[in-house]
Each structure stands twice: as C-alpha cells, then as structure tokens.
Protein backbone atom coordinates (compact mmCIF):
# COMPACT_ATOMS: atom_id res chain seq x y z
CA UNK A 1 -11.01 13.44 5.66
CA UNK A 2 -9.96 14.59 8.60
CA UNK A 3 -5.87 13.48 9.54
CA UNK A 4 -5.80 10.26 11.53
CA UNK A 5 -7.94 8.62 8.48
CA UNK A 6 -6.08 6.54 5.67
CA UNK A 7 -6.53 7.10 2.25
CA UNK A 8 -6.82 4.21 0.13
CA UNK A 9 -4.16 3.89 -3.77
CA UNK A 10 -4.84 0.97 -5.33
CA UNK A 11 -3.40 -0.59 -8.47
CA UNK A 12 -6.42 1.21 -9.64
CA UNK A 13 -6.32 4.40 -9.25
CA UNK A 14 -2.40 4.39 -9.94
CA UNK A 15 -2.73 4.39 -13.96
CA UNK A 16 -5.23 7.71 -12.70
CA UNK A 17 -4.02 10.96 -10.99
CA UNK A 18 -4.38 10.62 -7.76
CA UNK A 19 -8.02 12.14 -7.65
CA UNK A 20 -10.36 10.06 -5.65
CA UNK A 21 -10.13 8.58 -2.13
CA UNK A 22 -12.23 5.58 -2.80
CA UNK A 23 -11.50 2.55 -4.68
CA UNK A 24 -12.35 -0.97 -4.85
CA UNK A 25 -9.11 -3.27 -4.62
CA UNK A 26 -7.04 -3.03 -1.23
CA UNK A 27 -5.40 -0.21 -0.36
CA UNK A 28 -1.35 -0.45 -1.84
CA UNK A 29 -0.65 2.91 0.37
CA UNK A 30 -1.81 4.24 3.24
CA UNK A 31 -0.95 7.46 4.51
CA UNK A 32 -3.10 9.37 7.14
CA UNK A 33 -2.22 13.36 5.47
CA UNK A 34 -5.56 15.16 5.00
CA UNK A 35 -6.29 16.11 2.27
CA UNK A 36 -8.27 18.40 -0.33
CA UNK A 37 -8.50 17.49 -3.53
CA UNK A 38 -9.68 20.04 -6.71
CA UNK A 39 -10.87 18.21 -10.30
CA UNK A 40 -7.29 18.45 -11.65
CA UNK A 41 -6.12 16.25 -8.17
CA UNK A 42 -4.08 17.77 -4.87
CA UNK A 43 -5.25 20.74 -4.19
CA UNK A 44 -3.08 20.42 -0.40
CA UNK A 45 -1.81 17.76 1.29
CA UNK A 46 -0.83 18.30 4.95
CA UNK A 47 0.80 14.89 5.62
CA UNK A 48 3.77 13.45 6.08
CA UNK A 49 5.26 13.45 2.33
CA UNK A 50 4.85 15.78 -0.33
CA UNK A 51 3.04 15.40 -3.55
CA UNK A 52 6.16 14.40 -5.22
CA UNK A 53 7.08 11.95 -2.79
CA UNK A 54 3.27 10.47 -3.30
CA UNK A 55 4.37 10.25 -6.75
CA UNK A 56 8.02 8.61 -6.02
CA UNK A 57 6.17 5.70 -3.90
CA UNK A 58 3.34 5.02 -6.69
CA UNK A 59 5.37 4.96 -9.07
CA UNK A 60 7.75 2.66 -7.19
CA UNK A 61 5.03 0.37 -5.84
CA UNK A 62 3.75 0.19 -9.72
CA UNK A 63 7.94 -0.48 -10.52
CA UNK A 64 7.43 -3.77 -7.40
CA UNK A 65 4.42 -5.32 -8.55
CA UNK A 66 4.92 -5.65 -11.91
CA UNK A 67 8.84 -6.88 -12.26
CA UNK A 68 7.87 -10.09 -9.64
CA UNK A 69 4.47 -10.19 -9.44
CA UNK A 70 3.74 -9.50 -6.33
CA UNK A 71 1.37 -7.36 -4.23
CA UNK A 72 3.23 -4.66 -2.60
CA UNK A 73 1.76 -2.54 -0.36
CA UNK A 74 2.99 0.54 2.72
CA UNK A 75 0.86 1.82 5.67
CA UNK A 76 1.89 4.63 7.22
CA UNK A 77 0.58 6.11 10.57
CA UNK A 78 -0.25 4.23 13.95
CA UNK A 79 -0.10 0.74 14.54
CA UNK A 80 -3.25 -0.88 17.57
CA UNK A 81 -0.41 -2.99 20.86
CA UNK A 82 0.65 -5.54 19.78
CA UNK A 83 1.99 -3.84 16.41
CA UNK A 84 3.03 -7.10 14.82
CA UNK A 85 -0.29 -8.92 15.36
CA UNK A 86 -1.94 -4.75 13.49
CA UNK A 87 0.14 -4.61 10.82
CA UNK A 88 -0.96 -9.12 10.02
CA UNK A 89 -4.09 -7.89 10.97
CA UNK A 90 -4.02 -5.10 7.36
CA UNK A 91 -1.62 -7.92 5.33
CA UNK A 92 -4.39 -10.25 6.00
CA UNK A 93 -6.92 -7.61 4.37
CA UNK A 94 -5.46 -6.74 0.87
CA UNK A 95 -6.34 -8.04 -1.62
CA UNK A 96 -4.37 -11.62 -2.89
CA UNK A 97 -2.70 -11.56 0.39
CA UNK A 98 -0.81 -15.07 -0.44
CA UNK A 99 0.85 -13.26 -3.04
CA UNK A 100 1.40 -9.60 -0.87
CA UNK A 101 4.06 -7.54 0.71
CA UNK A 102 3.59 -4.74 3.77
CA UNK A 103 5.17 -1.95 4.70
CA UNK A 104 3.78 -0.57 7.80
CA UNK A 105 5.29 1.98 9.15
CA UNK A 106 4.89 3.37 12.12
CA UNK A 107 6.51 7.08 12.81
CA UNK A 108 4.64 7.96 16.24
CA UNK A 109 6.02 4.74 17.74
CA UNK A 110 9.07 4.45 15.76
CA UNK A 111 7.47 1.22 14.66
CA UNK A 112 8.57 -1.19 11.25
CA UNK A 113 6.74 -4.38 10.64
CA UNK A 114 6.93 -6.29 7.26
CA UNK A 115 4.75 -9.11 6.53
CA UNK A 116 4.95 -11.53 3.57
CA UNK A 117 1.70 -13.53 2.50
CA UNK A 118 3.47 -17.40 2.59
CA UNK A 119 4.23 -16.98 -1.38
CA UNK A 120 5.17 -13.81 -1.23
CA UNK A 121 7.50 -15.37 2.02
CA UNK A 122 8.96 -18.02 -0.16
CA UNK A 123 11.06 -15.49 -2.37
CA UNK A 124 11.69 -12.75 0.46
CA UNK A 125 13.03 -14.42 3.32
CA UNK A 126 13.46 -12.94 6.98
CA UNK A 127 16.87 -12.72 6.14
CA UNK A 128 15.68 -10.58 3.51
CA UNK A 129 12.69 -8.69 5.33
CA UNK A 130 15.65 -7.94 8.08
CA UNK A 131 18.12 -6.06 6.30
CA UNK A 132 15.19 -4.23 3.62
CA UNK A 133 14.06 -3.15 6.91
CA UNK A 134 17.52 -2.13 8.94
CA UNK A 135 17.73 0.23 5.85
CA UNK A 136 14.75 1.77 6.05
CA UNK A 137 15.78 1.92 9.81
CA UNK A 138 18.95 4.66 8.64
CA UNK A 139 16.97 6.55 6.81
CA UNK A 140 14.27 7.22 9.06
CA UNK A 141 16.60 7.35 12.29
CA UNK A 142 17.97 10.45 8.98
CA UNK A 143 15.20 12.49 9.27
CA UNK A 144 14.13 10.55 5.70
CA UNK A 145 10.55 8.66 5.54
CA UNK A 146 10.01 8.55 2.27
CA UNK A 147 13.14 7.33 0.70
CA UNK A 148 13.84 4.58 3.61
CA UNK A 149 10.28 3.37 2.50
CA UNK A 150 11.72 3.60 -1.68
CA UNK A 151 15.09 1.96 -0.25
CA UNK A 152 12.81 -0.57 0.88
CA UNK A 153 10.15 -1.53 -1.72
CA UNK A 154 13.70 -1.88 -4.04
CA UNK A 155 15.52 -4.05 -1.91
CA UNK A 156 12.01 -5.50 -0.92
CA UNK A 157 11.88 -5.81 -4.39
CA UNK A 158 15.40 -7.30 -5.61
CA UNK A 159 14.94 -10.02 -3.18
CA UNK A 160 12.08 -11.55 -5.47
CA UNK A 161 13.42 -11.09 -8.30
CA UNK A 162 11.19 -11.65 -11.14
CA UNK A 163 8.39 -13.28 -12.41
C-alpha cells in the first residue's frame, strides 16, 4: 500500500484487530496511511493518525453505528473536484447508502463534506450537519484532525438519536 491509496476498515474488521487491509462490505474508516503489517497488527504507521487515534476513531464509529442504527463512515484524503460530487460518489458506494452518513475530510484541500442518505437525513438535518461541521472545522484549525472527526461523529450520532 502506498501513500495516496486507501485503507478501509469495515464493521466486520472492527470486531478484530487491525491486521488486514481488504474486507468485504464497504469502507467505514478510510484513510491514506502507509502501513507495515505484522501478525500482531500494525508495526508502522505513516499517515495522519497515530495507532491510538485510529483505535479511538474505530471505537467512535462502532458506538455511533450501534447506538443509532445508521452506518457512519469517515474518509480522509484528497477529493476530486468538485469535492461535493466526489463525496456524494463515495457515499453512493457504501453498503446501505440510504442509512449511511459519510464524513469526508481533505486536509490538504481544506475541505469538509458531510453526506447523508435519504433515511439518515430524516434523523440528521442539514442544520445538524452544519453544526457538526463547524465544530470539526474549529478543531481542524487548531491542528486536531482526529479530535475534530471524533467530535463530529459524536455530534452527528447525538442528533440522530437512538434507534
């Protein structure tokens, strides 16, 4: 895997250690770190997140999915222009896109997009998404990419409510 390629973690892979790159079922956390793998897990990580941050993001996604019944996904990496259309294209590729929420962040382009499927949109309004985006943008401006994503996921899940 080289920088610029994506690493996908799915609901299936989140129940096991981070030891495999390819899992069926569509991405839940996608980032662009270069990984060196061993049987024990991640040996080296050269990307936007530390191993600890990846584990925290993974847990936040699991909690958001389980508590709301929606599928939350995060994409970190460059977005093709126009960014919104590319984020919507990524969202359509998710399994169960109707109930999916995608947070797409391109730090290099300074772009953040939140895309909700039609069923998810009934529970997370555009206003809710904008509030979460403002919170994330504030954290990003302070240099906290992982904290911003964690905060945004928490806010979006809170707005969606329990299923």
